[in-house]
PDB file of N, CA and C in Angstrom:
ATOM      1  N   ASN A   1     -28.298 -59.199 -15.264  1.00  0.00           N
ATOM      2  CA  ASN A   1     -27.266 -59.274 -13.978  1.00  0.00           C
ATOM      3  C   ASN A   1     -27.159 -59.505 -12.763  1.00  0.00           C
ATOM      4  N   MET A   2     -29.127 -59.250 -12.322  1.00  0.00           N
ATOM      5  CA  MET A   2     -28.811 -60.488 -10.934  1.00  0.00           C
ATOM      6  C   MET A   2     -28.686 -61.628 -11.027  1.00  0.00           C
ATOM      7  N   ILE A   3     -28.818 -61.898 -11.977  1.00  0.00           N
ATOM      8  CA  ILE A   3     -28.885 -63.774 -12.379  1.00  0.00           C
ATOM      9  C   ILE A   3     -27.629 -63.770 -12.302  1.00  0.00           C
ATOM     10  N   ALA A   4     -26.466 -62.996 -12.723  1.00  0.00           N
ATOM     11  CA  ALA A   4     -24.973 -63.557 -12.889  1.00  0.00           C
ATOM     12  C   ALA A   4     -23.884 -63.114 -11.258  1.00  0.00           C
ATOM     13  N   MET A   5     -24.881 -62.198 -10.735  1.00  0.00           N
ATOM     14  CA  MET A   5     -24.117 -62.006  -9.141  1.00  0.00           C
ATOM     15  C   MET A   5     -24.925 -62.703  -8.761  1.00  0.00           C
ATOM     16  N   THR A   6     -25.815 -63.278  -8.288  1.00  0.00           N
ATOM     17  CA  THR A   6     -26.148 -64.647  -7.769  1.00  0.00           C
ATOM     18  C   THR A   6     -25.338 -65.600  -8.187  1.00  0.00           C
ATOM     19  N   ALA A   7     -24.954 -66.220  -9.512  1.00  0.00           N
ATOM     20  CA  ALA A   7     -24.285 -67.345  -9.776  1.00  0.00           C
ATOM     21  C   ALA A   7     -22.921 -67.233  -9.146  1.00  0.00           C
ATOM     22  N   VAL A   8     -22.200 -65.820  -8.906  1.00  0.00           N
ATOM     23  CA  VAL A   8     -21.145 -65.633  -8.656  1.00  0.00           C
ATOM     24  C   VAL A   8     -20.891 -66.134  -7.399  1.00  0.00           C
ATOM     25  N   ALA A   9     -22.058 -65.263  -6.495  1.00  0.00           N
ATOM     26  CA  ALA A   9     -22.421 -65.522  -4.932  1.00  0.00           C
ATOM     27  C   ALA A   9     -22.672 -67.234  -4.662  1.00  0.00           C
ATOM     28  N   GLU A  10     -23.420 -67.942  -5.544  1.00  0.00           N
ATOM     29  CA  GLU A  10     -23.028 -69.190  -5.098  1.00  0.00           C
ATOM     30  C   GLU A  10     -21.739 -69.969  -5.258  1.00  0.00           C
ATOM     31  N   LYS A  11     -20.827 -69.741  -6.203  1.00  0.00           N
ATOM     32  CA  LYS A  11     -19.787 -70.306  -6.494  1.00  0.00           C
ATOM     33  C   LYS A  11     -18.880 -69.942  -5.353  1.00  0.00           C
ATOM     34  N   GLU A  12     -19.062 -68.824  -4.748  1.00  0.00           N
ATOM     35  CA  GLU A  12     -18.201 -68.483  -3.709  1.00  0.00           C
ATOM     36  C   GLU A  12     -18.848 -69.142  -2.629  1.00  0.00           C
ATOM     37  N   ASN A  13     -19.682 -69.173  -2.230  1.00  0.00           N
ATOM     38  CA  ASN A  13     -20.033 -69.954  -1.081  1.00  0.00           C
ATOM     39  C   ASN A  13     -20.022 -71.402  -1.251  1.00  0.00           C
ATOM     40  N   ALA A  14     -20.227 -72.482  -2.638  1.00  0.00           N
ATOM     41  CA  ALA A  14     -19.784 -73.435  -2.297  1.00  0.00           C
ATOM     42  C   ALA A  14     -18.271 -73.703  -2.257  1.00  0.00           C
ATOM     43  N   ALA A  15     -17.646 -72.827  -2.984  1.00  0.00           N
ATOM     44  CA  ALA A  15     -15.857 -72.998  -2.089  1.00  0.00           C
ATOM     45  C   ALA A  15     -15.767 -72.814  -1.179  1.00  0.00           C
ATOM     46  N   GLU A  16     -16.115 -71.884  -0.406  1.00  0.00           N
ATOM     47  CA  GLU A  16     -15.854 -71.500   1.441  1.00  0.00           C
ATOM     48  C   GLU A  16     -16.219 -72.780   1.895  1.00  0.00           C
ATOM     49  N   THR A  17     -17.562 -73.145   1.573  1.00  0.00           N
ATOM     50  CA  THR A  17     -18.682 -74.395   2.324  1.00  0.00           C
ATOM     51  C   THR A  17     -17.474 -75.814   2.486  1.00  0.00           C
ATOM     52  N   LEU A  18     -16.787 -76.228   0.984  1.00  0.00           N
ATOM     53  CA  LEU A  18     -16.211 -77.042   1.347  1.00  0.00           C
ATOM     54  C   LEU A  18     -14.565 -77.035   1.668  1.00  0.00           C
ATOM     55  N   LEU A  19     -14.213 -75.628   1.603  1.00  0.00           N
ATOM     56  CA  LEU A  19     -12.842 -75.492   2.004  1.00  0.00           C
ATOM     57  C   LEU A  19     -13.239 -75.539   3.618  1.00  0.00           C
ATOM     58  N   GLN A  20     -14.476 -75.373   4.414  1.00  0.00           N
ATOM     59  CA  GLN A  20     -14.356 -75.183   5.607  1.00  0.00           C
ATOM     60  C   GLN A  20     -14.377 -76.947   6.215  1.00  0.00           C
ATOM     61  N   ALA A  21     -15.367 -77.498   5.108  1.00  0.00           N
ATOM     62  CA  ALA A  21     -15.648 -78.840   5.594  1.00  0.00           C
ATOM     63  C   ALA A  21     -14.435 -79.494   5.654  1.00  0.00           C
ATOM     64  N   LYS A  22     -13.478 -79.452   4.770  1.00  0.00           N
ATOM     65  CA  LYS A  22     -11.586 -79.878   4.637  1.00  0.00           C
ATOM     66  C   LYS A  22     -10.746 -79.445   5.715  1.00  0.00           C
ATOM     67  N   GLY A  23     -11.457 -78.492   6.806  1.00  0.00           N
ATOM     68  CA  GLY A  23     -10.674 -78.120   8.060  1.00  0.00           C
ATOM     69  C   GLY A  23     -10.281 -76.577   7.732  1.00  0.00           C
ATOM     70  N   PHE A  24     -10.106 -76.019   6.538  1.00  0.00           N
ATOM     71  CA  PHE A  24      -9.757 -74.473   7.018  1.00  0.00           C
ATOM     72  C   PHE A  24     -10.750 -73.628   7.563  1.00  0.00           C
ATOM     73  N   ALA A  25     -10.153 -73.020   8.610  1.00  0.00           N
ATOM     74  CA  ALA A  25     -11.030 -71.979   9.398  1.00  0.00           C
ATOM     75  C   ALA A  25     -11.493 -71.007   8.548  1.00  0.00           C
ATOM     76  N   ASN A  26     -12.657 -70.533   8.336  1.00  0.00           N
ATOM     77  CA  ASN A  26     -13.080 -69.591   8.039  1.00  0.00           C
ATOM     78  C   ASN A  26     -12.553 -68.822   6.687  1.00  0.00           C
ATOM     79  N   PRO A  27     -12.453 -69.464   5.984  1.00  0.00           N
ATOM     80  CA  PRO A  27     -12.115 -69.167   4.451  1.00  0.00           C
ATOM     81  C   PRO A  27     -13.131 -68.318   3.923  1.00  0.00           C
ATOM     82  N   VAL A  28     -12.501 -67.191   3.026  1.00  0.00           N
ATOM     83  CA  VAL A  28     -13.265 -66.292   2.568  1.00  0.00           C
ATOM     84  C   VAL A  28     -12.934 -66.542   1.201  1.00  0.00           C
ATOM     85  N   VAL A  29     -13.584 -66.445   0.308  1.00  0.00           N
ATOM     86  CA  VAL A  29     -13.443 -66.895  -1.182  1.00  0.00           C
ATOM     87  C   VAL A  29     -14.234 -65.524  -2.196  1.00  0.00           C
ATOM     88  N   SER A  30     -13.383 -64.774  -2.945  1.00  0.00           N
ATOM     89  CA  SER A  30     -14.118 -64.004  -3.492  1.00  0.00           C
ATOM     90  C   SER A  30     -13.517 -63.882  -5.083  1.00  0.00           C
ATOM     91  N   LEU A  31     -14.824 -63.873  -6.069  1.00  0.00           N
ATOM     92  CA  LEU A  31     -14.482 -63.952  -7.315  1.00  0.00           C
ATOM     93  C   LEU A  31     -14.781 -62.795  -8.209  1.00  0.00           C
ATOM     94  N   THR A  32     -14.091 -62.321  -8.758  1.00  0.00           N
ATOM     95  CA  THR A  32     -13.961 -61.353  -9.568  1.00  0.00           C
ATOM     96  C   THR A  32     -13.503 -60.849 -10.680  1.00  0.00           C
ATOM     97  N   ASP A  33     -13.850 -60.822 -11.876  1.00  0.00           N
ATOM     98  CA  ASP A  33     -13.162 -60.664 -13.205  1.00  0.00           C
ATOM     99  C   ASP A  33     -12.667 -62.095 -13.845  1.00  0.00           C
ATOM    100  N   GLY A  34     -13.130 -63.230 -13.418  1.00  0.00           N
ATOM    101  CA  GLY A  34     -12.483 -64.501 -13.875  1.00  0.00           C
ATOM    102  C   GLY A  34     -11.061 -64.784 -12.768  1.00  0.00           C
ATOM    103  N   LYS A  35     -11.293 -63.808 -11.889  1.00  0.00           N
ATOM    104  CA  LYS A  35      -9.901 -64.047 -10.765  1.00  0.00           C
ATOM    105  C   LYS A  35     -10.647 -64.700  -9.309  1.00  0.00           C
ATOM    106  N   VAL A  36     -10.153 -65.329  -8.858  1.00  0.00           N
ATOM    107  CA  VAL A  36     -10.607 -65.503  -7.696  1.00  0.00           C
ATOM    108  C   VAL A  36      -9.353 -65.343  -6.190  1.00  0.00           C
ATOM    109  N   ASP A  37      -9.822 -64.522  -5.302  1.00  0.00           N
ATOM    110  CA  ASP A  37      -8.678 -64.594  -4.265  1.00  0.00           C
ATOM    111  C   ASP A  37      -9.591 -65.574  -2.684  1.00  0.00           C
ATOM    112  N   VAL A  38      -8.448 -66.343  -2.256  1.00  0.00           N
ATOM    113  CA  VAL A  38      -8.801 -67.315  -1.117  1.00  0.00           C
ATOM    114  C   VAL A  38      -8.025 -66.674   0.018  1.00  0.00           C
ATOM    115  N   VAL A  39      -8.880 -66.350   1.069  1.00  0.00           N
ATOM    116  CA  VAL A  39      -8.246 -65.915   2.330  1.00  0.00           C
ATOM    117  C   VAL A  39      -8.136 -67.035   3.386  1.00  0.00           C
ATOM    118  N   ILE A  40      -7.173 -67.394   3.938  1.00  0.00           N
ATOM    119  CA  ILE A  40      -6.954 -68.421   4.875  1.00  0.00           C
ATOM    120  C   ILE A  40      -6.913 -68.216   6.076  1.00  0.00           C
ATOM    121  N   ASN A  41      -7.485 -68.534   6.866  1.00  0.00           N
ATOM    122  CA  ASN A  41      -6.736 -68.458   8.752  1.00  0.00           C
ATOM    123  C   ASN A  41      -5.712 -69.101   9.001  1.00  0.00           C
ATOM    124  N   ALA A  42      -4.923 -68.949   8.513  1.00  0.00           N
ATOM    125  CA  ALA A  42      -3.484 -69.734   8.786  1.00  0.00           C
ATOM    126  C   ALA A  42      -2.210 -69.130   8.683  1.00  0.00           C
ATOM    127  N   ALA A  43      -1.366 -69.557   9.614  1.00  0.00           N
ATOM    128  CA  ALA A  43       0.063 -68.794  10.068  1.00  0.00           C
ATOM    129  C   ALA A  43       0.775 -69.197   8.297  1.00  0.00           C
ATOM    130  N   SER A  44       1.035 -70.495   7.824  1.00  0.00           N
ATOM    131  CA  SER A  44       1.056 -71.354   7.294  1.00  0.00           C
ATOM    132  C   SER A  44       0.652 -72.551   6.368  1.00  0.00           C
ATOM    133  N   ILE A  45       0.861 -72.969   5.338  1.00  0.00           N
ATOM    134  CA  ILE A  45       0.216 -74.054   4.714  1.00  0.00           C
ATOM    135  C   ILE A  45       1.343 -75.142   4.056  1.00  0.00           C
ATOM    136  N   SER A  46       0.932 -76.483   4.326  1.00  0.00           N
ATOM    137  CA  SER A  46       1.803 -77.182   3.360  1.00  0.00           C
ATOM    138  C   SER A  46       1.457 -77.027   1.997  1.00  0.00           C
ATOM    139  N   ASP A  47       2.448 -77.529   1.088  1.00  0.00           N
ATOM    140  CA  ASP A  47       1.826 -77.424  -0.364  1.00  0.00           C
ATOM    141  C   ASP A  47       0.715 -78.307  -1.222  1.00  0.00           C
ATOM    142  N   GLN A  48       0.592 -79.686  -0.024  1.00  0.00           N
ATOM    143  CA  GLN A  48      -0.781 -80.561  -0.258  1.00  0.00           C
ATOM    144  C   GLN A  48      -1.762 -79.645  -0.044  1.00  0.00           C
ATOM    145  N   GLU A  49      -1.868 -78.976   1.316  1.00  0.00           N
ATOM    146  CA  GLU A  49      -2.502 -78.124   1.705  1.00  0.00           C
ATOM    147  C   GLU A  49      -3.117 -76.976   0.339  1.00  0.00           C
ATOM    148  N   ARG A  50      -2.197 -76.452  -0.290  1.00  0.00           N
ATOM    149  CA  ARG A  50      -2.335 -75.188  -1.244  1.00  0.00           C
ATOM    150  C   ARG A  50      -2.809 -76.359  -2.329  1.00  0.00           C
ATOM    151  N   ALA A  51      -2.629 -77.542  -2.974  1.00  0.00           N
ATOM    152  CA  ALA A  51      -2.815 -78.022  -3.908  1.00  0.00           C
ATOM    153  C   ALA A  51      -4.218 -78.701  -3.769  1.00  0.00           C
ATOM    154  N   GLN A  52      -4.808 -78.680  -2.431  1.00  0.00           N
ATOM    155  CA  GLN A  52      -6.210 -78.914  -2.153  1.00  0.00           C
ATOM    156  C   GLN A  52      -7.017 -77.920  -2.188  1.00  0.00           C
ATOM    157  N   ILE A  53      -6.512 -76.724  -1.588  1.00  0.00           N
ATOM    158  CA  ILE A  53      -7.533 -75.244  -1.981  1.00  0.00           C
ATOM    159  C   ILE A  53      -7.301 -75.244  -3.520  1.00  0.00           C
ATOM    160  N   GLU A  54      -6.409 -75.326  -4.300  1.00  0.00           N
ATOM    161  CA  GLU A  54      -6.873 -74.893  -5.871  1.00  0.00           C
ATOM    162  C   GLU A  54      -7.652 -75.755  -6.530  1.00  0.00           C
ATOM    163  N   ASP A  55      -7.014 -76.955  -6.118  1.00  0.00           N
ATOM    164  CA  ASP A  55      -8.422 -78.304  -6.495  1.00  0.00           C
ATOM    165  C   ASP A  55      -9.893 -77.491  -5.974  1.00  0.00           C
ATOM    166  N   ILE A  56     -10.114 -77.836  -4.660  1.00  0.00           N
ATOM    167  CA  ILE A  56     -11.554 -77.061  -4.427  1.00  0.00           C
ATOM    168  C   ILE A  56     -12.290 -75.844  -5.444  1.00  0.00           C
ATOM    169  N   VAL A  57     -11.016 -74.850  -5.122  1.00  0.00           N
ATOM    170  CA  VAL A  57     -11.411 -73.453  -5.959  1.00  0.00           C
ATOM    171  C   VAL A  57     -11.813 -73.716  -7.230  1.00  0.00           C
ATOM    172  N   LYS A  58     -10.777 -74.253  -7.960  1.00  0.00           N
ATOM    173  CA  LYS A  58     -11.056 -74.811  -9.454  1.00  0.00           C
ATOM    174  C   LYS A  58     -12.373 -75.089 -10.101  1.00  0.00           C
ATOM    175  N   ARG A  59     -12.513 -76.472  -9.161  1.00  0.00           N
ATOM    176  CA  ARG A  59     -13.419 -77.261  -9.245  1.00  0.00           C
ATOM    177  C   ARG A  59     -15.140 -76.246  -9.044  1.00  0.00           C
ATOM    178  N   LYS A  60     -15.158 -75.559  -8.003  1.00  0.00           N
ATOM    179  CA  LYS A  60     -16.415 -74.653  -7.668  1.00  0.00           C
ATOM    180  C   LYS A  60     -16.651 -73.450  -8.584  1.00  0.00           C
ATOM    181  N   THR A  61     -15.259 -72.774  -8.856  1.00  0.00           N
ATOM    182  CA  THR A  61     -15.303 -71.393  -9.328  1.00  0.00           C
ATOM    183  C   THR A  61     -15.006 -71.703 -10.920  1.00  0.00           C
ATOM    184  N   GLU A  62     -14.596 -72.654 -11.668  1.00  0.00           N
ATOM    185  CA  GLU A  62     -14.301 -72.888 -12.908  1.00  0.00           C
ATOM    186  C   GLU A  62     -13.058 -71.787 -13.220  1.00  0.00           C
ATOM    187  N   VAL A  63     -12.610 -71.197 -12.479  1.00  0.00           N
ATOM    188  CA  VAL A  63     -10.968 -70.519 -12.749  1.00  0.00           C
ATOM    189  C   VAL A  63      -9.773 -71.555 -12.656  1.00  0.00           C
ATOM    190  N   PRO A  64      -8.696 -71.298 -13.524  1.00  0.00           N
ATOM    191  CA  PRO A  64      -7.743 -72.470 -13.590  1.00  0.00           C
ATOM    192  C   PRO A  64      -6.806 -71.718 -12.558  1.00  0.00           C
ATOM    193  N   ALA A  65      -5.602 -72.445 -12.274  1.00  0.00           N
ATOM    194  CA  ALA A  65      -4.978 -72.055 -10.862  1.00  0.00           C
ATOM    195  C   ALA A  65      -4.507 -70.869 -10.809  1.00  0.00           C
ATOM    196  N   ASP A  66      -3.807 -70.210 -12.640  1.00  0.00           N
ATOM    197  CA  ASP A  66      -2.998 -69.309 -12.652  1.00  0.00           C
ATOM    198  C   ASP A  66      -3.803 -68.070 -12.406  1.00  0.00           C
ATOM    199  N   GLY A  67      -5.523 -68.593 -12.157  1.00  0.00           N
ATOM    200  CA  GLY A  67      -6.352 -67.298 -11.475  1.00  0.00           C
ATOM    201  C   GLY A  67      -6.640 -67.380 -10.539  1.00  0.00           C
ATOM    202  N   ILE A  68      -6.110 -68.047  -9.722  1.00  0.00           N
ATOM    203  CA  ILE A  68      -6.439 -68.186  -8.147  1.00  0.00           C
ATOM    204  C   ILE A  68      -4.865 -67.605  -6.981  1.00  0.00           C
ATOM    205  N   VAL A  69      -5.578 -66.703  -6.181  1.00  0.00           N
ATOM    206  CA  VAL A  69      -4.540 -66.017  -5.111  1.00  0.00           C
ATOM    207  C   VAL A  69      -4.980 -66.461  -3.642  1.00  0.00           C
ATOM    208  N   ILE A  70      -4.038 -67.540  -3.085  1.00  0.00           N
ATOM    209  CA  ILE A  70      -3.870 -67.480  -1.885  1.00  0.00           C
ATOM    210  C   ILE A  70      -3.495 -66.741  -0.737  1.00  0.00           C
ATOM    211  N   THR A  71      -4.152 -66.348  -0.255  1.00  0.00           N
ATOM    212  CA  THR A  71      -3.461 -65.480   0.965  1.00  0.00           C
ATOM    213  C   THR A  71      -3.766 -65.855   2.539  1.00  0.00           C
ATOM    214  N   LEU A  72      -2.516 -65.920   3.039  1.00  0.00           N
ATOM    215  CA  LEU A  72      -2.699 -66.555   4.335  1.00  0.00           C
ATOM    216  C   LEU A  72      -2.873 -65.110   5.620  1.00  0.00           C
ATOM    217  N   LEU A  73      -3.854 -65.597   6.778  1.00  0.00           N
ATOM    218  CA  LEU A  73      -4.691 -64.458   7.249  1.00  0.00           C
ATOM    219  C   LEU A  73      -4.251 -65.299   8.886  1.00  0.00           C
ATOM    220  N   ASN A  74      -3.110 -65.056   9.536  1.00  0.00           N
ATOM    221  CA  ASN A  74      -3.240 -65.484  10.740  1.00  0.00           C
ATOM    222  C   ASN A  74      -4.110 -64.859  12.114  1.00  0.00           C
ATOM    223  N   LEU A  75      -4.799 -65.066  12.576  1.00  0.00           N
ATOM    224  CA  LEU A  75      -5.902 -64.453  13.335  1.00  0.00           C
ATOM    225  C   LEU A  75      -5.544 -64.508  14.821  1.00  0.00           C
ATOM    226  N   GLU A  76      -4.819 -65.777  15.113  1.00  0.00           N
ATOM    227  CA  GLU A  76      -4.785 -66.489  16.015  1.00  0.00           C
ATOM    228  C   GLU A  76      -4.066 -65.328  17.205  1.00  0.00           C
TER     229      GLU A  76
END
């Protein structure tokens, strides 16, 4: 059980790190029950940015696009 929790945390961290490297400020990725919630600090994102986020999250978490929810949170 501890190994599974560590694997989930590593996937979340890998996705967050790569999103941050691509210019998304303070991303938060939460993987639960085969679904991924992604919180991005932005007022809006383009279709290209949305596709880029989905691609990164799919690769790092192995969750298909229909299991990914992107939420925008503008903290500025």
